[in-house]
Amino acid sequence: MDTNCKDATLVYELHKAYEQEYLGRILFDEQGYWIYDGEELTVAEQEQLGKFIQHNMEVLWSS
């Protein structure tokens, strides 16, 4: 997680498991909107990742 980005509330740096290949990052603002910053993921993969993180963060914050 990138804590030095002033443009977003929450930033995740994305890497492939077991490899050093950088996939980009996904940034979230205070309203929960996100944007993908990278070139490796398709639009469908970006949407899947954004929804996955949002859902799991909601579950975490509500418990």
PDB file of N, CA and C in Angstrom:
ATOM      1  N   MET A   1       0.839  -1.165   0.000  1.00  0.00           N
ATOM      2  CA  MET A   1       0.000   0.000   0.000  1.00  0.00           C
ATOM      3  C   MET A   1       0.891   1.238   0.000  1.00  0.00           C
ATOM      4  N   ASP A   2       0.568   2.202  -0.859  1.00  0.00           N
ATOM      5  CA  ASP A   2       1.335   3.436  -1.005  1.00  0.00           C
ATOM      6  C   ASP A   2       0.730   4.490  -0.088  1.00  0.00           C
ATOM      7  N   THR A   3       1.477   4.968   0.886  1.00  0.00           N
ATOM      8  CA  THR A   3       0.965   5.991   1.796  1.00  0.00           C
ATOM      9  C   THR A   3       1.487   7.382   1.445  1.00  0.00           C
ATOM     10  N   ASN A   4       2.269   7.512   0.394  1.00  0.00           N
ATOM     11  CA  ASN A   4       2.852   8.794   0.018  1.00  0.00           C
ATOM     12  C   ASN A   4       2.075   9.525  -1.070  1.00  0.00           C
ATOM     13  N   CYS A   5       0.995   8.953  -1.577  1.00  0.00           N
ATOM     14  CA  CYS A   5       0.220   9.564  -2.656  1.00  0.00           C
ATOM     15  C   CYS A   5      -0.770  10.558  -2.069  1.00  0.00           C
ATOM     16  N   LYS A   6      -0.647  11.821  -2.456  1.00  0.00           N
ATOM     17  CA  LYS A   6      -1.531  12.859  -1.931  1.00  0.00           C
ATOM     18  C   LYS A   6      -2.823  12.998  -2.731  1.00  0.00           C
ATOM     19  N   ASP A   7      -2.917  12.297  -3.881  1.00  0.00           N
ATOM     20  CA  ASP A   7      -4.090  12.398  -4.740  1.00  0.00           C
ATOM     21  C   ASP A   7      -5.187  11.409  -4.375  1.00  0.00           C
ATOM     22  N   ALA A   8      -4.936  10.514  -3.439  1.00  0.00           N
ATOM     23  CA  ALA A   8      -5.903   9.476  -3.117  1.00  0.00           C
ATOM     24  C   ALA A   8      -5.886   9.184  -1.620  1.00  0.00           C
ATOM     25  N   THR A   9      -6.979   8.645  -1.132  1.00  0.00           N
ATOM     26  CA  THR A   9      -7.074   8.246   0.264  1.00  0.00           C
ATOM     27  C   THR A   9      -6.392   6.915   0.497  1.00  0.00           C
ATOM     28  N   LEU A  10      -6.547   6.009  -0.468  1.00  0.00           N
ATOM     29  CA  LEU A  10      -6.013   4.663  -0.350  1.00  0.00           C
ATOM     30  C   LEU A  10      -5.417   4.251  -1.686  1.00  0.00           C
ATOM     31  N   VAL A  11      -4.201   3.728  -1.681  1.00  0.00           N
ATOM     32  CA  VAL A  11      -3.530   3.327  -2.911  1.00  0.00           C
ATOM     33  C   VAL A  11      -2.934   1.935  -2.719  1.00  0.00           C
ATOM     34  N   TYR A  12      -3.221   1.040  -3.655  1.00  0.00           N
ATOM     35  CA  TYR A  12      -2.639  -0.295  -3.639  1.00  0.00           C
ATOM     36  C   TYR A  12      -1.715  -0.449  -4.827  1.00  0.00           C
ATOM     37  N   GLU A  13      -0.466  -0.825  -4.564  1.00  0.00           N
ATOM     38  CA  GLU A  13       0.487  -1.156  -5.619  1.00  0.00           C
ATOM     39  C   GLU A  13       0.230  -2.611  -5.999  1.00  0.00           C
ATOM     40  N   LEU A  14       0.154  -2.899  -7.298  1.00  0.00           N
ATOM     41  CA  LEU A  14      -0.210  -4.226  -7.766  1.00  0.00           C
ATOM     42  C   LEU A  14       0.982  -4.937  -8.385  1.00  0.00           C
ATOM     43  N   HIS A  15       1.226  -6.169  -7.953  1.00  0.00           N
ATOM     44  CA  HIS A  15       2.306  -7.008  -8.468  1.00  0.00           C
ATOM     45  C   HIS A  15       1.765  -8.412  -8.689  1.00  0.00           C
ATOM     46  N   LYS A  16       2.369  -9.146  -9.600  1.00  0.00           N
ATOM     47  CA  LYS A  16       2.022 -10.554  -9.781  1.00  0.00           C
ATOM     48  C   LYS A  16       2.602 -11.361  -8.623  1.00  0.00           C
ATOM     49  N   ALA A  17       1.828 -12.312  -8.165  1.00  0.00           N
ATOM     50  CA  ALA A  17       2.323 -13.190  -7.100  1.00  0.00           C
ATOM     51  C   ALA A  17       3.498 -14.004  -7.619  1.00  0.00           C
ATOM     52  N   TYR A  18       4.520 -14.145  -6.813  1.00  0.00           N
ATOM     53  CA  TYR A  18       5.710 -14.941  -7.112  1.00  0.00           C
ATOM     54  C   TYR A  18       6.578 -14.353  -8.217  1.00  0.00           C
ATOM     55  N   GLU A  19       6.259 -13.177  -8.689  1.00  0.00           N
ATOM     56  CA  GLU A  19       7.071 -12.521  -9.707  1.00  0.00           C
ATOM     57  C   GLU A  19       7.233 -11.054  -9.327  1.00  0.00           C
ATOM     58  N   GLN A  20       8.152 -10.403  -9.935  1.00  0.00           N
ATOM     59  CA  GLN A  20       8.379  -8.994  -9.656  1.00  0.00           C
ATOM     60  C   GLN A  20       7.707  -8.077 -10.670  1.00  0.00           C
ATOM     61  N   GLU A  21       6.857  -8.629 -11.532  1.00  0.00           N
ATOM     62  CA  GLU A  21       6.214  -7.831 -12.567  1.00  0.00           C
ATOM     63  C   GLU A  21       5.212  -6.854 -11.946  1.00  0.00           C
ATOM     64  N   TYR A  22       5.405  -5.583 -12.228  1.00  0.00           N
ATOM     65  CA  TYR A  22       4.543  -4.515 -11.710  1.00  0.00           C
ATOM     66  C   TYR A  22       3.333  -4.362 -12.619  1.00  0.00           C
ATOM     67  N   LEU A  23       2.151  -4.379 -12.040  1.00  0.00           N
ATOM     68  CA  LEU A  23       0.913  -4.286 -12.813  1.00  0.00           C
ATOM     69  C   LEU A  23       0.265  -2.915 -12.773  1.00  0.00           C
ATOM     70  N   GLY A  24       0.794  -2.008 -11.975  1.00  0.00           N
ATOM     71  CA  GLY A  24       0.202  -0.685 -11.830  1.00  0.00           C
ATOM     72  C   GLY A  24      -0.278  -0.487 -10.406  1.00  0.00           C
ATOM     73  N   ARG A  25      -1.225   0.420 -10.239  1.00  0.00           N
ATOM     74  CA  ARG A  25      -1.781   0.660  -8.912  1.00  0.00           C
ATOM     75  C   ARG A  25      -3.237   1.062  -9.051  1.00  0.00           C
ATOM     76  N   ILE A  26      -3.981   0.915  -7.976  1.00  0.00           N
ATOM     77  CA  ILE A  26      -5.375   1.322  -7.955  1.00  0.00           C
ATOM     78  C   ILE A  26      -5.528   2.299  -6.797  1.00  0.00           C
ATOM     79  N   LEU A  27      -6.124   3.441  -7.100  1.00  0.00           N
ATOM     80  CA  LEU A  27      -6.250   4.519  -6.132  1.00  0.00           C
ATOM     81  C   LEU A  27      -7.715   4.717  -5.779  1.00  0.00           C
ATOM     82  N   PHE A  28      -8.010   4.911  -4.507  1.00  0.00           N
ATOM     83  CA  PHE A  28      -9.364   5.155  -4.024  1.00  0.00           C
ATOM     84  C   PHE A  28      -9.427   6.535  -3.379  1.00  0.00           C
ATOM     85  N   ASP A  29     -10.545   7.241  -3.604  1.00  0.00           N
ATOM     86  CA  ASP A  29     -10.737   8.517  -2.918  1.00  0.00           C
ATOM     87  C   ASP A  29     -11.657   8.303  -1.715  1.00  0.00           C
ATOM     88  N   GLU A  30     -11.978   9.385  -0.993  1.00  0.00           N
ATOM     89  CA  GLU A  30     -12.783   9.287   0.220  1.00  0.00           C
ATOM     90  C   GLU A  30     -14.204   8.807  -0.046  1.00  0.00           C
ATOM     91  N   GLN A  31     -14.726   9.014  -1.243  1.00  0.00           N
ATOM     92  CA  GLN A  31     -16.078   8.586  -1.581  1.00  0.00           C
ATOM     93  C   GLN A  31     -16.124   7.130  -2.067  1.00  0.00           C
ATOM     94  N   GLY A  32     -14.984   6.498  -2.191  1.00  0.00           N
ATOM     95  CA  GLY A  32     -14.933   5.115  -2.636  1.00  0.00           C
ATOM     96  C   GLY A  32     -14.759   4.952  -4.139  1.00  0.00           C
ATOM     97  N   TYR A  33     -14.640   6.065  -4.860  1.00  0.00           N
ATOM     98  CA  TYR A  33     -14.372   5.979  -6.295  1.00  0.00           C
ATOM     99  C   TYR A  33     -12.919   5.573  -6.491  1.00  0.00           C
ATOM    100  N   TRP A  34     -12.659   4.847  -7.561  1.00  0.00           N
ATOM    101  CA  TRP A  34     -11.302   4.374  -7.801  1.00  0.00           C
ATOM    102  C   TRP A  34     -10.893   4.632  -9.237  1.00  0.00           C
ATOM    103  N   ILE A  35      -9.590   4.614  -9.437  1.00  0.00           N
ATOM    104  CA  ILE A  35      -9.018   4.735 -10.776  1.00  0.00           C
ATOM    105  C   ILE A  35      -7.792   3.836 -10.831  1.00  0.00           C
ATOM    106  N   TYR A  36      -7.623   3.185 -11.961  1.00  0.00           N
ATOM    107  CA  TYR A  36      -6.464   2.321 -12.175  1.00  0.00           C
ATOM    108  C   TYR A  36      -5.391   3.128 -12.883  1.00  0.00           C
ATOM    109  N   ASP A  37      -4.184   3.055 -12.375  1.00  0.00           N
ATOM    110  CA  ASP A  37      -3.036   3.731 -12.963  1.00  0.00           C
ATOM    111  C   ASP A  37      -2.048   2.664 -13.413  1.00  0.00           C
ATOM    112  N   GLY A  38      -2.140   2.271 -14.662  1.00  0.00           N
ATOM    113  CA  GLY A  38      -1.270   1.231 -15.207  1.00  0.00           C
ATOM    114  C   GLY A  38      -1.727   0.847 -16.599  1.00  0.00           C
ATOM    115  N   GLU A  39      -1.028  -0.098 -17.204  1.00  0.00           N
ATOM    116  CA  GLU A  39      -1.327  -0.492 -18.572  1.00  0.00           C
ATOM    117  C   GLU A  39      -1.518  -1.994 -18.741  1.00  0.00           C
ATOM    118  N   GLU A  40      -1.392  -2.770 -17.683  1.00  0.00           N
ATOM    119  CA  GLU A  40      -1.401  -4.222 -17.798  1.00  0.00           C
ATOM    120  C   GLU A  40      -2.786  -4.847 -17.687  1.00  0.00           C
ATOM    121  N   LEU A  41      -3.694  -4.269 -16.917  1.00  0.00           N
ATOM    122  CA  LEU A  41      -5.001  -4.874 -16.687  1.00  0.00           C
ATOM    123  C   LEU A  41      -6.027  -4.404 -17.714  1.00  0.00           C
ATOM    124  N   THR A  42      -6.881  -5.329 -18.143  1.00  0.00           N
ATOM    125  CA  THR A  42      -7.988  -4.952 -19.031  1.00  0.00           C
ATOM    126  C   THR A  42      -9.034  -4.206 -18.219  1.00  0.00           C
ATOM    127  N   VAL A  43      -9.984  -3.588 -18.893  1.00  0.00           N
ATOM    128  CA  VAL A  43     -11.054  -2.865 -18.205  1.00  0.00           C
ATOM    129  C   VAL A  43     -11.836  -3.823 -17.306  1.00  0.00           C
ATOM    130  N   ALA A  44     -12.123  -5.019 -17.810  1.00  0.00           N
ATOM    131  CA  ALA A  44     -12.852  -6.010 -17.010  1.00  0.00           C
ATOM    132  C   ALA A  44     -12.062  -6.397 -15.754  1.00  0.00           C
ATOM    133  N   GLU A  45     -10.756  -6.572 -15.880  1.00  0.00           N
ATOM    134  CA  GLU A  45      -9.916  -6.909 -14.727  1.00  0.00           C
ATOM    135  C   GLU A  45      -9.867  -5.755 -13.729  1.00  0.00           C
ATOM    136  N   GLN A  46      -9.809  -4.520 -14.233  1.00  0.00           N
ATOM    137  CA  GLN A  46      -9.815  -3.355 -13.357  1.00  0.00           C
ATOM    138  C   GLN A  46     -11.106  -3.290 -12.551  1.00  0.00           C
ATOM    139  N   GLU A  47     -12.235  -3.501 -13.223  1.00  0.00           N
ATOM    140  CA  GLU A  47     -13.529  -3.451 -12.548  1.00  0.00           C
ATOM    141  C   GLU A  47     -13.649  -4.563 -11.508  1.00  0.00           C
ATOM    142  N   GLN A  48     -13.181  -5.744 -11.856  1.00  0.00           N
ATOM    143  CA  GLN A  48     -13.225  -6.865 -10.919  1.00  0.00           C
ATOM    144  C   GLN A  48     -12.380  -6.552  -9.678  1.00  0.00           C
ATOM    145  N   LEU A  49     -11.199  -6.020  -9.877  1.00  0.00           N
ATOM    146  CA  LEU A  49     -10.316  -5.688  -8.768  1.00  0.00           C
ATOM    147  C   LEU A  49     -10.910  -4.579  -7.901  1.00  0.00           C
ATOM    148  N   GLY A  50     -11.430  -3.525  -8.540  1.00  0.00           N
ATOM    149  CA  GLY A  50     -12.038  -2.427  -7.794  1.00  0.00           C
ATOM    150  C   GLY A  50     -13.197  -2.903  -6.937  1.00  0.00           C
ATOM    151  N   LYS A  51     -14.078  -3.717  -7.491  1.00  0.00           N
ATOM    152  CA  LYS A  51     -15.226  -4.249  -6.746  1.00  0.00           C
ATOM    153  C   LYS A  51     -14.774  -5.174  -5.621  1.00  0.00           C
ATOM    154  N   PHE A  52     -13.775  -6.002  -5.900  1.00  0.00           N
ATOM    155  CA  PHE A  52     -13.255  -6.914  -4.887  1.00  0.00           C
ATOM    156  C   PHE A  52     -12.718  -6.145  -3.678  1.00  0.00           C
ATOM    157  N   ILE A  53     -11.903  -5.139  -3.927  1.00  0.00           N
ATOM    158  CA  ILE A  53     -11.323  -4.357  -2.829  1.00  0.00           C
ATOM    159  C   ILE A  53     -12.414  -3.610  -2.084  1.00  0.00           C
ATOM    160  N   GLN A  54     -13.336  -2.963  -2.803  1.00  0.00           N
ATOM    161  CA  GLN A  54     -14.414  -2.233  -2.142  1.00  0.00           C
ATOM    162  C   GLN A  54     -15.240  -3.158  -1.256  1.00  0.00           C
ATOM    163  N   HIS A  55     -15.633  -4.312  -1.781  1.00  0.00           N
ATOM    164  CA  HIS A  55     -16.450  -5.244  -0.997  1.00  0.00           C
ATOM    165  C   HIS A  55     -15.709  -5.688   0.262  1.00  0.00           C
ATOM    166  N   ASN A  56     -14.454  -6.068   0.111  1.00  0.00           N
ATOM    167  CA  ASN A  56     -13.705  -6.565   1.259  1.00  0.00           C
ATOM    168  C   ASN A  56     -13.395  -5.472   2.272  1.00  0.00           C
ATOM    169  N   MET A  57     -13.213  -4.250   1.827  1.00  0.00           N
ATOM    170  CA  MET A  57     -12.995  -3.150   2.767  1.00  0.00           C
ATOM    171  C   MET A  57     -14.286  -2.832   3.524  1.00  0.00           C
ATOM    172  N   GLU A  58     -15.446  -2.913   2.852  1.00  0.00           N
ATOM    173  CA  GLU A  58     -16.736  -2.688   3.529  1.00  0.00           C
ATOM    174  C   GLU A  58     -16.951  -3.746   4.610  1.00  0.00           C
ATOM    175  N   VAL A  59     -16.649  -5.002   4.288  1.00  0.00           N
ATOM    176  CA  VAL A  59     -16.789  -6.080   5.257  1.00  0.00           C
ATOM    177  C   VAL A  59     -15.857  -5.849   6.441  1.00  0.00           C
ATOM    178  N   LEU A  60     -14.632  -5.462   6.154  1.00  0.00           N
ATOM    179  CA  LEU A  60     -13.646  -5.220   7.211  1.00  0.00           C
ATOM    180  C   LEU A  60     -14.071  -4.055   8.110  1.00  0.00           C
ATOM    181  N   TRP A  61     -14.530  -2.939   7.484  1.00  0.00           N
ATOM    182  CA  TRP A  61     -14.885  -1.752   8.264  1.00  0.00           C
ATOM    183  C   TRP A  61     -16.173  -1.953   9.068  1.00  0.00           C
ATOM    184  N   SER A  62     -17.079  -2.831   8.602  1.00  0.00           N
ATOM    185  CA  SER A  62     -18.336  -3.022   9.296  1.00  0.00           C
ATOM    186  C   SER A  62     -18.222  -4.012  10.450  1.00  0.00           C
ATOM    187  N   SER A  63     -17.093  -4.707  10.555  1.00  0.00           N
ATOM    188  CA  SER A  63     -16.967  -5.691  11.651  1.00  0.00           C
ATOM    189  C   SER A  63     -16.276  -5.105  12.852  1.00  0.00           C
TER     190      SER A  63
END
